[in-house]
Amino acid sequence: MLIYNNKHYYDQQFSTLQLAEQAIENTEFEECTFIECDLSQAHFKTCRFIQCNFKNCNLSSVKWGYSSLENVSFSHCKLNSVQWGDADWGALSINAPVSFNSCELSNSSFFELTLKSLKLIHCFAKNVDFRHADLKQSKFTGTDFRDSEFFQTNLTKCDFVGATEFNIDLNNNILAGAKFERFEALNLLTSLDIELCD
């Protein structure tokens, strides 16, 4: 199935769609499912995704072009090198309108975004920019955060149980009520310039 500009797609399933490096404009997808599609480097300009699911898709370097994402889930997808600040998040969202399960999000940016109750479950998030973001009450269980940046990030009541390789400065982030596994929580002490002894 081909996708055309200025169209509305409802309850459609797109399988093995090839849209790499293509531009789609002013198109609305409602309750659609994308399965094993190649959307790498695609440019969605002022599109709208409502209650859509992406499964086993390649969306690396996708450009959101001020498109809106509302209750969109990504499962087993590649989402490397994505600037999430390019999407239109709207002012009325109480909770994050996106969720990620077993996805790759390396070299991406959530800089200064307000995405409360974001779900990053069992993801690989290497070198991701979370600086100045409001991620209150988010769930990060089982996610690998190696080389990712947290600075003046609101992580209040976030769930990091099972998360690994995170480097979070206790002095420069808000961590009230956050949950960590005991062993992994030792990573938090590296920012305090103290010596741990057995």
N, C-alpha and C. Protein backbone atom coordinates (compact mmCIF):
# COMPACT_ATOMS: atom_id res chain seq x y z
N MET A 1 0.84 -1.20 0.00
CA MET A 1 0.00 0.00 0.00
C MET A 1 0.87 1.25 0.00
N LEU A 2 0.53 2.21 -0.83
CA LEU A 2 1.25 3.48 -0.89
C LEU A 2 0.61 4.47 0.08
N ILE A 3 1.40 5.42 0.54
CA ILE A 3 0.88 6.48 1.39
C ILE A 3 0.96 7.79 0.62
N TYR A 4 -0.14 8.53 0.66
CA TYR A 4 -0.21 9.79 -0.10
C TYR A 4 -0.33 10.98 0.86
N ASN A 5 0.08 12.13 0.40
CA ASN A 5 -0.03 13.36 1.18
C ASN A 5 -1.49 13.78 1.31
N ASN A 6 -1.75 14.55 2.38
CA ASN A 6 -3.07 15.17 2.59
C ASN A 6 -4.20 14.13 2.66
N LYS A 7 -3.91 12.96 3.24
CA LYS A 7 -4.93 11.90 3.35
C LYS A 7 -5.17 11.57 4.83
N HIS A 8 -6.27 10.86 5.08
CA HIS A 8 -6.58 10.36 6.42
C HIS A 8 -6.71 8.85 6.34
N TYR A 9 -5.87 8.15 7.12
CA TYR A 9 -5.90 6.68 7.14
C TYR A 9 -6.42 6.24 8.50
N TYR A 10 -7.45 5.40 8.49
CA TYR A 10 -8.04 4.93 9.74
C TYR A 10 -8.01 3.40 9.79
N ASP A 11 -7.51 2.87 10.90
CA ASP A 11 -7.52 1.42 11.16
C ASP A 11 -6.89 0.64 10.00
N GLN A 12 -5.74 1.13 9.52
CA GLN A 12 -5.03 0.47 8.43
C GLN A 12 -3.79 -0.25 8.97
N GLN A 13 -3.42 -1.34 8.34
CA GLN A 13 -2.17 -2.03 8.67
C GLN A 13 -1.21 -1.89 7.50
N PHE A 14 -0.03 -1.34 7.81
CA PHE A 14 1.00 -1.16 6.80
C PHE A 14 2.13 -2.14 7.09
N SER A 15 2.37 -3.09 6.20
CA SER A 15 3.41 -4.10 6.41
C SER A 15 4.51 -3.94 5.36
N THR A 16 5.75 -4.04 5.82
CA THR A 16 6.95 -3.97 4.97
C THR A 16 6.93 -2.76 4.03
N LEU A 17 6.40 -1.67 4.52
CA LEU A 17 6.34 -0.43 3.74
C LEU A 17 7.74 0.15 3.58
N GLN A 18 8.08 0.60 2.40
CA GLN A 18 9.40 1.18 2.11
C GLN A 18 9.25 2.69 1.89
N LEU A 19 9.56 3.45 2.95
CA LEU A 19 9.44 4.91 2.86
C LEU A 19 10.74 5.61 3.22
N ALA A 20 11.86 4.90 3.13
CA ALA A 20 13.15 5.48 3.50
C ALA A 20 13.41 6.74 2.68
N GLU A 21 13.79 7.81 3.40
CA GLU A 21 14.18 9.09 2.80
C GLU A 21 13.03 9.79 2.06
N GLN A 22 11.80 9.34 2.24
CA GLN A 22 10.69 9.98 1.55
C GLN A 22 9.99 10.98 2.48
N ALA A 23 9.28 11.92 1.88
CA ALA A 23 8.56 12.95 2.64
C ALA A 23 7.06 12.73 2.52
N ILE A 24 6.39 12.78 3.68
CA ILE A 24 4.93 12.68 3.73
C ILE A 24 4.42 13.93 4.44
N GLU A 25 3.43 14.61 3.85
CA GLU A 25 2.96 15.87 4.41
C GLU A 25 1.47 15.85 4.71
N ASN A 26 1.12 16.49 5.85
CA ASN A 26 -0.29 16.76 6.19
C ASN A 26 -1.17 15.51 6.13
N THR A 27 -0.63 14.40 6.58
CA THR A 27 -1.38 13.14 6.53
C THR A 27 -1.67 12.66 7.96
N GLU A 28 -2.86 12.12 8.17
CA GLU A 28 -3.28 11.69 9.50
C GLU A 28 -3.44 10.17 9.53
N PHE A 29 -2.85 9.56 10.56
CA PHE A 29 -2.96 8.11 10.76
C PHE A 29 -3.65 7.88 12.10
N GLU A 30 -4.78 7.23 12.08
CA GLU A 30 -5.53 6.97 13.30
C GLU A 30 -5.74 5.47 13.50
N GLU A 31 -5.31 4.96 14.64
CA GLU A 31 -5.41 3.54 14.99
C GLU A 31 -4.81 2.66 13.90
N CYS A 32 -3.66 3.09 13.39
CA CYS A 32 -2.95 2.32 12.36
C CYS A 32 -1.79 1.53 12.97
N THR A 33 -1.43 0.44 12.30
CA THR A 33 -0.32 -0.38 12.75
C THR A 33 0.71 -0.48 11.62
N PHE A 34 1.97 -0.25 11.99
CA PHE A 34 3.07 -0.34 11.04
C PHE A 34 3.94 -1.54 11.44
N ILE A 35 4.11 -2.50 10.55
CA ILE A 35 4.86 -3.72 10.87
C ILE A 35 6.01 -3.90 9.89
N GLU A 36 7.22 -4.01 10.43
CA GLU A 36 8.43 -4.25 9.63
C GLU A 36 8.56 -3.26 8.47
N CYS A 37 8.29 -2.00 8.75
CA CYS A 37 8.40 -0.95 7.73
C CYS A 37 9.76 -0.26 7.82
N ASP A 38 10.28 0.17 6.70
CA ASP A 38 11.52 0.94 6.66
C ASP A 38 11.16 2.42 6.48
N LEU A 39 11.22 3.15 7.58
CA LEU A 39 10.89 4.58 7.58
C LEU A 39 12.14 5.40 7.91
N SER A 40 13.31 4.80 7.75
CA SER A 40 14.56 5.49 8.10
C SER A 40 14.74 6.74 7.24
N GLN A 41 15.10 7.82 7.90
CA GLN A 41 15.33 9.12 7.26
C GLN A 41 14.09 9.67 6.55
N ALA A 42 12.94 9.10 6.85
CA ALA A 42 11.70 9.66 6.30
C ALA A 42 11.41 11.00 6.97
N HIS A 43 10.67 11.86 6.30
CA HIS A 43 10.33 13.17 6.83
C HIS A 43 8.81 13.32 6.86
N PHE A 44 8.25 13.26 8.07
CA PHE A 44 6.80 13.46 8.24
C PHE A 44 6.56 14.92 8.59
N LYS A 45 5.99 15.68 7.67
CA LYS A 45 5.78 17.11 7.87
C LYS A 45 4.34 17.38 8.28
N THR A 46 4.17 17.92 9.48
CA THR A 46 2.85 18.25 10.04
C THR A 46 1.83 17.12 9.85
N CYS A 47 2.27 15.91 10.14
CA CYS A 47 1.37 14.75 10.12
C CYS A 47 0.83 14.52 11.53
N ARG A 48 -0.10 13.62 11.65
CA ARG A 48 -0.69 13.32 12.95
C ARG A 48 -0.83 11.80 13.11
N PHE A 49 -0.30 11.29 14.22
CA PHE A 49 -0.38 9.87 14.54
C PHE A 49 -1.20 9.71 15.82
N ILE A 50 -2.36 9.05 15.73
CA ILE A 50 -3.25 8.90 16.88
C ILE A 50 -3.44 7.42 17.17
N GLN A 51 -3.06 6.98 18.36
CA GLN A 51 -3.21 5.58 18.78
C GLN A 51 -2.65 4.61 17.74
N CYS A 52 -1.43 4.88 17.31
CA CYS A 52 -0.78 4.02 16.32
C CYS A 52 0.27 3.14 16.99
N ASN A 53 0.56 1.99 16.38
CA ASN A 53 1.57 1.06 16.87
C ASN A 53 2.60 0.81 15.78
N PHE A 54 3.87 0.88 16.18
CA PHE A 54 4.98 0.55 15.28
C PHE A 54 5.67 -0.69 15.83
N LYS A 55 5.78 -1.73 15.01
CA LYS A 55 6.37 -2.99 15.46
C LYS A 55 7.48 -3.42 14.49
N ASN A 56 8.67 -3.65 15.05
CA ASN A 56 9.81 -4.12 14.24
C ASN A 56 10.09 -3.20 13.05
N CYS A 57 9.95 -1.90 13.27
CA CYS A 57 10.19 -0.93 12.19
C CYS A 57 11.55 -0.24 12.36
N ASN A 58 12.08 0.25 11.25
CA ASN A 58 13.30 1.05 11.27
C ASN A 58 12.91 2.51 11.06
N LEU A 59 13.03 3.31 12.15
CA LEU A 59 12.73 4.74 12.07
C LEU A 59 13.97 5.56 12.40
N SER A 60 15.14 5.00 12.19
CA SER A 60 16.37 5.73 12.50
C SER A 60 16.45 7.00 11.65
N SER A 61 16.85 8.08 12.31
CA SER A 61 17.01 9.39 11.66
C SER A 61 15.72 9.92 11.06
N VAL A 62 14.57 9.42 11.53
CA VAL A 62 13.30 9.96 11.05
C VAL A 62 13.17 11.41 11.51
N LYS A 63 12.54 12.24 10.69
CA LYS A 63 12.30 13.64 11.03
C LYS A 63 10.79 13.82 11.23
N TRP A 64 10.43 14.35 12.41
CA TRP A 64 9.01 14.46 12.72
C TRP A 64 8.36 15.73 12.17
N GLY A 65 9.16 16.73 11.82
CA GLY A 65 8.64 17.91 11.13
C GLY A 65 7.38 18.50 11.72
N TYR A 66 7.37 18.67 13.05
CA TYR A 66 6.23 19.23 13.77
C TYR A 66 4.97 18.37 13.63
N SER A 67 5.17 17.06 13.49
CA SER A 67 4.04 16.13 13.50
C SER A 67 3.66 15.83 14.94
N SER A 68 2.41 15.50 15.18
CA SER A 68 1.96 15.20 16.54
C SER A 68 1.86 13.69 16.74
N LEU A 69 2.23 13.25 17.95
CA LEU A 69 2.19 11.84 18.33
C LEU A 69 1.29 11.72 19.56
N GLU A 70 0.19 10.98 19.42
CA GLU A 70 -0.79 10.87 20.51
C GLU A 70 -1.07 9.40 20.79
N ASN A 71 -0.61 8.94 21.96
CA ASN A 71 -0.78 7.53 22.34
C ASN A 71 -0.19 6.59 21.29
N VAL A 72 1.09 6.81 20.99
CA VAL A 72 1.80 6.02 19.99
C VAL A 72 2.78 5.09 20.70
N SER A 73 2.81 3.83 20.31
CA SER A 73 3.73 2.88 20.93
C SER A 73 4.69 2.32 19.88
N PHE A 74 5.94 2.15 20.33
CA PHE A 74 6.99 1.58 19.49
C PHE A 74 7.49 0.31 20.17
N SER A 75 7.51 -0.79 19.45
CA SER A 75 7.96 -2.07 20.00
C SER A 75 8.99 -2.70 19.07
N HIS A 76 10.16 -3.04 19.63
CA HIS A 76 11.24 -3.67 18.86
C HIS A 76 11.59 -2.85 17.61
N CYS A 77 11.65 -1.54 17.78
CA CYS A 77 11.96 -0.65 16.66
C CYS A 77 13.34 -0.03 16.80
N LYS A 78 13.92 0.37 15.67
CA LYS A 78 15.16 1.14 15.66
C LYS A 78 14.79 2.61 15.52
N LEU A 79 15.19 3.40 16.53
CA LEU A 79 14.87 4.83 16.55
C LEU A 79 16.13 5.63 16.86
N ASN A 80 17.24 5.21 16.27
CA ASN A 80 18.51 5.88 16.54
C ASN A 80 18.57 7.24 15.84
N SER A 81 19.29 8.16 16.47
CA SER A 81 19.55 9.49 15.88
C SER A 81 18.26 10.24 15.54
N VAL A 82 17.34 10.26 16.52
CA VAL A 82 16.07 10.98 16.33
C VAL A 82 16.02 12.20 17.25
N GLN A 83 15.67 13.34 16.72
CA GLN A 83 15.48 14.57 17.50
C GLN A 83 14.00 14.66 17.87
N TRP A 84 13.67 14.20 19.08
CA TRP A 84 12.27 14.16 19.49
C TRP A 84 11.68 15.54 19.72
N GLY A 85 12.54 16.55 19.87
CA GLY A 85 12.06 17.92 20.02
C GLY A 85 11.43 18.47 18.76
N ASP A 86 11.61 17.78 17.63
CA ASP A 86 11.03 18.23 16.36
C ASP A 86 9.55 17.88 16.23
N ALA A 87 9.05 17.05 17.15
CA ALA A 87 7.63 16.69 17.10
C ALA A 87 6.80 17.76 17.81
N ASP A 88 5.51 17.78 17.52
CA ASP A 88 4.58 18.68 18.18
C ASP A 88 3.92 17.91 19.32
N TRP A 89 4.34 18.19 20.55
CA TRP A 89 3.84 17.42 21.69
C TRP A 89 2.54 17.98 22.25
N GLY A 90 2.15 19.17 21.85
CA GLY A 90 0.90 19.74 22.35
C GLY A 90 1.02 20.16 23.80
N ALA A 91 0.13 21.00 24.23
CA ALA A 91 0.20 21.54 25.60
C ALA A 91 -0.74 20.83 26.56
N LEU A 92 -1.61 19.97 26.05
CA LEU A 92 -2.64 19.38 26.89
C LEU A 92 -2.29 17.98 27.41
N SER A 93 -1.19 17.40 26.95
CA SER A 93 -0.84 16.04 27.36
C SER A 93 -0.42 16.02 28.82
N ILE A 94 -1.12 15.24 29.63
CA ILE A 94 -0.75 15.08 31.03
C ILE A 94 0.39 14.08 31.14
N ASN A 95 0.29 12.99 30.42
CA ASN A 95 1.33 11.97 30.40
C ASN A 95 1.96 11.89 29.01
N ALA A 96 3.16 11.29 28.96
CA ALA A 96 3.86 11.17 27.68
C ALA A 96 2.98 10.43 26.67
N PRO A 97 2.84 10.97 25.47
CA PRO A 97 1.98 10.33 24.46
C PRO A 97 2.69 9.24 23.66
N VAL A 98 3.91 8.87 24.08
CA VAL A 98 4.64 7.80 23.39
C VAL A 98 5.19 6.81 24.42
N SER A 99 5.39 5.57 23.97
CA SER A 99 6.02 4.56 24.82
C SER A 99 6.92 3.69 23.95
N PHE A 100 7.99 3.17 24.58
CA PHE A 100 8.98 2.38 23.86
C PHE A 100 9.21 1.06 24.60
N ASN A 101 9.18 -0.04 23.87
CA ASN A 101 9.45 -1.34 24.45
C ASN A 101 10.47 -2.09 23.59
N SER A 102 11.60 -2.43 24.19
CA SER A 102 12.66 -3.18 23.49
C SER A 102 13.10 -2.47 22.21
N CYS A 103 13.31 -1.16 22.31
CA CYS A 103 13.72 -0.37 21.15
C CYS A 103 15.16 0.12 21.29
N GLU A 104 15.75 0.50 20.17
CA GLU A 104 17.06 1.15 20.15
C GLU A 104 16.84 2.65 19.94
N LEU A 105 17.36 3.46 20.89
CA LEU A 105 17.15 4.91 20.81
C LEU A 105 18.47 5.67 20.88
N SER A 106 19.57 5.04 20.52
CA SER A 106 20.89 5.64 20.69
C SER A 106 21.06 6.91 19.87
N ASN A 107 21.89 7.81 20.42
CA ASN A 107 22.24 9.07 19.76
C ASN A 107 21.03 9.94 19.47
N SER A 108 20.01 9.83 20.30
CA SER A 108 18.79 10.62 20.14
C SER A 108 18.72 11.72 21.19
N SER A 109 17.74 12.60 21.08
CA SER A 109 17.64 13.72 22.01
C SER A 109 16.21 13.95 22.48
N PHE A 110 16.05 14.06 23.81
CA PHE A 110 14.80 14.46 24.45
C PHE A 110 15.01 15.78 25.19
N PHE A 111 15.97 16.56 24.74
CA PHE A 111 16.39 17.79 25.40
C PHE A 111 15.21 18.73 25.65
N GLU A 112 15.05 19.13 26.93
CA GLU A 112 14.06 20.11 27.38
C GLU A 112 12.60 19.70 27.16
N LEU A 113 12.34 18.43 26.89
CA LEU A 113 10.95 18.00 26.67
C LEU A 113 10.25 17.67 27.98
N THR A 114 8.97 17.89 28.02
CA THR A 114 8.14 17.48 29.15
C THR A 114 7.38 16.23 28.72
N LEU A 115 7.84 15.08 29.21
CA LEU A 115 7.24 13.78 28.86
C LEU A 115 7.05 12.97 30.13
N LYS A 116 6.12 13.41 30.95
CA LYS A 116 5.85 12.72 32.22
C LYS A 116 5.27 11.34 31.96
N SER A 117 5.64 10.40 32.82
CA SER A 117 5.18 9.00 32.71
C SER A 117 5.60 8.35 31.40
N LEU A 118 6.76 8.79 30.89
CA LEU A 118 7.33 8.15 29.69
C LEU A 118 7.68 6.69 30.01
N LYS A 119 7.51 5.81 29.05
CA LYS A 119 7.87 4.39 29.23
C LYS A 119 9.00 4.03 28.27
N LEU A 120 10.16 3.68 28.86
CA LEU A 120 11.31 3.18 28.12
C LEU A 120 11.65 1.83 28.74
N ILE A 121 11.04 0.77 28.25
CA ILE A 121 11.15 -0.55 28.88
C ILE A 121 12.09 -1.43 28.07
N HIS A 122 13.14 -1.93 28.73
CA HIS A 122 14.10 -2.85 28.09
C HIS A 122 14.65 -2.28 26.78
N CYS A 123 14.99 -1.00 26.80
CA CYS A 123 15.52 -0.35 25.60
C CYS A 123 17.05 -0.21 25.69
N PHE A 124 17.66 0.07 24.55
CA PHE A 124 19.09 0.39 24.49
C PHE A 124 19.17 1.88 24.13
N ALA A 125 19.55 2.69 25.13
CA ALA A 125 19.53 4.15 24.97
C ALA A 125 20.92 4.71 25.20
N LYS A 126 21.83 4.43 24.29
CA LYS A 126 23.20 4.91 24.42
C LYS A 126 23.33 6.33 23.89
N ASN A 127 24.03 7.17 24.67
CA ASN A 127 24.32 8.54 24.24
C ASN A 127 23.04 9.31 23.90
N VAL A 128 22.06 9.23 24.79
CA VAL A 128 20.81 9.95 24.61
C VAL A 128 20.81 11.19 25.50
N ASP A 129 20.33 12.31 24.98
CA ASP A 129 20.32 13.58 25.69
C ASP A 129 18.98 13.78 26.40
N PHE A 130 19.01 13.65 27.75
CA PHE A 130 17.81 13.88 28.56
C PHE A 130 17.94 15.17 29.37
N ARG A 131 18.88 16.03 29.02
CA ARG A 131 19.13 17.24 29.81
C ARG A 131 17.90 18.16 29.82
N HIS A 132 17.65 18.73 31.02
CA HIS A 132 16.58 19.72 31.21
C HIS A 132 15.19 19.17 30.86
N ALA A 133 15.04 17.86 30.82
CA ALA A 133 13.73 17.27 30.51
C ALA A 133 12.94 17.03 31.80
N ASP A 134 11.63 17.06 31.70
CA ASP A 134 10.75 16.72 32.81
C ASP A 134 10.19 15.33 32.54
N LEU A 135 10.75 14.33 33.22
CA LEU A 135 10.37 12.93 33.00
C LEU A 135 9.75 12.33 34.25
N LYS A 136 9.12 13.15 35.03
CA LYS A 136 8.52 12.72 36.31
C LYS A 136 7.64 11.49 36.14
N GLN A 137 7.83 10.54 37.06
CA GLN A 137 7.03 9.30 37.13
C GLN A 137 7.20 8.40 35.90
N SER A 138 8.33 8.51 35.24
CA SER A 138 8.58 7.65 34.08
C SER A 138 9.05 6.27 34.50
N LYS A 139 8.92 5.31 33.59
CA LYS A 139 9.33 3.93 33.86
C LYS A 139 10.46 3.56 32.92
N PHE A 140 11.64 3.27 33.49
CA PHE A 140 12.83 2.98 32.71
C PHE A 140 13.37 1.58 32.98
N THR A 141 12.53 0.66 33.39
CA THR A 141 12.97 -0.65 33.82
C THR A 141 13.70 -1.41 32.70
N GLY A 142 14.85 -1.97 33.07
CA GLY A 142 15.60 -2.81 32.16
C GLY A 142 16.30 -2.09 31.02
N THR A 143 16.37 -0.76 31.08
CA THR A 143 16.98 0.00 29.97
C THR A 143 18.45 0.28 30.22
N ASP A 144 19.26 0.20 29.17
CA ASP A 144 20.70 0.47 29.21
C ASP A 144 20.91 1.94 28.81
N PHE A 145 21.42 2.75 29.76
CA PHE A 145 21.59 4.19 29.54
C PHE A 145 23.05 4.59 29.36
N ARG A 146 23.90 3.70 28.87
CA ARG A 146 25.32 4.03 28.80
C ARG A 146 25.58 5.30 27.99
N ASP A 147 26.42 6.16 28.57
CA ASP A 147 26.86 7.43 27.96
C ASP A 147 25.72 8.43 27.75
N SER A 148 24.55 8.20 28.35
CA SER A 148 23.45 9.16 28.23
C SER A 148 23.62 10.30 29.23
N GLU A 149 23.06 11.46 28.89
CA GLU A 149 23.24 12.66 29.70
C GLU A 149 21.97 13.04 30.45
N PHE A 150 22.13 13.19 31.77
CA PHE A 150 21.06 13.71 32.62
C PHE A 150 21.62 14.95 33.33
N PHE A 151 21.00 16.10 33.13
CA PHE A 151 21.44 17.32 33.81
C PHE A 151 20.21 18.21 34.00
N GLN A 152 19.96 18.57 35.28
CA GLN A 152 18.77 19.34 35.63
C GLN A 152 17.52 18.67 35.05
N THR A 153 17.52 17.34 35.15
CA THR A 153 16.40 16.52 34.66
C THR A 153 15.50 16.17 35.84
N ASN A 154 14.20 16.30 35.67
CA ASN A 154 13.26 15.93 36.72
C ASN A 154 12.95 14.44 36.60
N LEU A 155 13.52 13.67 37.54
CA LEU A 155 13.34 12.22 37.57
C LEU A 155 12.56 11.79 38.81
N THR A 156 11.73 12.69 39.31
CA THR A 156 10.92 12.41 40.50
C THR A 156 10.05 11.17 40.30
N LYS A 157 10.14 10.25 41.25
CA LYS A 157 9.33 9.02 41.26
C LYS A 157 9.52 8.16 40.00
N CYS A 158 10.66 8.27 39.35
CA CYS A 158 10.94 7.41 38.19
C CYS A 158 11.36 6.01 38.65
N ASP A 159 11.07 5.02 37.85
CA ASP A 159 11.39 3.63 38.17
C ASP A 159 12.58 3.18 37.31
N PHE A 160 13.76 3.07 37.97
CA PHE A 160 14.97 2.62 37.29
C PHE A 160 15.32 1.17 37.64
N VAL A 161 14.40 0.42 38.20
CA VAL A 161 14.68 -0.96 38.59
C VAL A 161 15.07 -1.78 37.35
N GLY A 162 16.23 -2.40 37.41
CA GLY A 162 16.71 -3.18 36.27
C GLY A 162 17.45 -2.36 35.23
N ALA A 163 17.43 -1.03 35.36
CA ALA A 163 18.17 -0.17 34.43
C ALA A 163 19.66 -0.26 34.73
N THR A 164 20.50 -0.06 33.72
CA THR A 164 21.95 -0.19 33.89
C THR A 164 22.70 0.95 33.22
N GLU A 165 23.96 1.10 33.61
CA GLU A 165 24.92 2.00 32.96
C GLU A 165 24.52 3.48 33.00
N PHE A 166 23.65 3.85 33.94
CA PHE A 166 23.26 5.26 34.01
C PHE A 166 24.28 6.05 34.82
N ASN A 167 24.48 7.30 34.44
CA ASN A 167 25.37 8.21 35.16
C ASN A 167 24.58 9.47 35.48
N ILE A 168 24.04 9.52 36.70
CA ILE A 168 23.14 10.60 37.10
C ILE A 168 23.74 11.32 38.30
N ASP A 169 24.05 12.59 38.13
CA ASP A 169 24.63 13.41 39.19
C ASP A 169 23.54 13.77 40.20
N LEU A 170 23.73 13.33 41.45
CA LEU A 170 22.74 13.61 42.49
C LEU A 170 22.57 15.09 42.77
N ASN A 171 23.61 15.87 42.51
CA ASN A 171 23.57 17.29 42.80
C ASN A 171 22.89 18.12 41.72
N ASN A 172 22.74 17.57 40.55
CA ASN A 172 22.23 18.35 39.42
C ASN A 172 20.99 17.76 38.76
N ASN A 173 20.32 16.84 39.46
CA ASN A 173 19.08 16.26 38.96
C ASN A 173 18.10 16.08 40.12
N ILE A 174 16.82 16.00 39.83
CA ILE A 174 15.80 15.81 40.86
C ILE A 174 15.42 14.33 40.88
N LEU A 175 15.68 13.67 42.01
CA LEU A 175 15.49 12.22 42.10
C LEU A 175 14.58 11.81 43.25
N ALA A 176 13.80 12.72 43.79
CA ALA A 176 12.94 12.42 44.93
C ALA A 176 11.99 11.27 44.61
N GLY A 177 12.01 10.24 45.45
CA GLY A 177 11.09 9.12 45.28
C GLY A 177 11.41 8.17 44.15
N ALA A 178 12.56 8.35 43.48
CA ALA A 178 12.93 7.44 42.39
C ALA A 178 13.33 6.07 42.95
N LYS A 179 13.13 5.02 42.15
CA LYS A 179 13.44 3.65 42.59
C LYS A 179 14.62 3.09 41.80
N PHE A 180 15.57 2.49 42.54
CA PHE A 180 16.74 1.86 41.92
C PHE A 180 17.00 0.53 42.61
N GLU A 181 17.62 -0.41 41.88
CA GLU A 181 18.12 -1.61 42.53
C GLU A 181 19.33 -1.23 43.38
N ARG A 182 19.52 -1.91 44.49
CA ARG A 182 20.56 -1.52 45.44
C ARG A 182 21.95 -1.47 44.80
N PHE A 183 22.30 -2.50 44.06
CA PHE A 183 23.65 -2.55 43.48
C PHE A 183 23.85 -1.45 42.45
N GLU A 184 22.89 -1.28 41.56
CA GLU A 184 23.02 -0.25 40.52
C GLU A 184 22.99 1.15 41.10
N ALA A 185 22.34 1.31 42.27
CA ALA A 185 22.26 2.63 42.90
C ALA A 185 23.64 3.15 43.31
N LEU A 186 24.63 2.26 43.43
CA LEU A 186 25.98 2.70 43.76
C LEU A 186 26.54 3.64 42.68
N ASN A 187 26.04 3.51 41.45
CA ASN A 187 26.46 4.41 40.38
C ASN A 187 26.16 5.86 40.71
N LEU A 188 25.13 6.09 41.51
CA LEU A 188 24.74 7.45 41.86
C LEU A 188 25.78 8.13 42.75
N LEU A 189 26.56 7.33 43.46
CA LEU A 189 27.52 7.90 44.40
C LEU A 189 28.78 8.42 43.73
N THR A 190 28.99 8.08 42.46
CA THR A 190 30.21 8.53 41.79
C THR A 190 30.26 10.06 41.65
N SER A 191 29.09 10.70 41.71
CA SER A 191 29.06 12.15 41.56
C SER A 191 29.38 12.88 42.86
N LEU A 192 29.54 12.14 43.96
CA LEU A 192 29.73 12.79 45.27
C LEU A 192 31.19 12.92 45.68
N ASP A 193 32.11 12.45 44.86
CA ASP A 193 33.53 12.55 45.17
C ASP A 193 33.83 11.94 46.54
N ILE A 194 33.32 10.73 46.74
CA ILE A 194 33.58 10.01 47.99
C ILE A 194 34.25 8.67 47.64
N GLU A 195 34.85 8.06 48.66
CA GLU A 195 35.50 6.77 48.47
C GLU A 195 34.69 5.69 49.16
N LEU A 196 34.36 4.65 48.41
CA LEU A 196 33.61 3.52 48.97
C LEU A 196 34.58 2.44 49.41
N CYS A 197 34.37 1.91 50.61
CA CYS A 197 35.24 0.85 51.14
C CYS A 197 34.41 -0.38 51.46
N ASP A 198 35.02 -1.56 51.30
CA ASP A 198 34.32 -2.80 51.67
C ASP A 198 34.37 -3.01 53.17
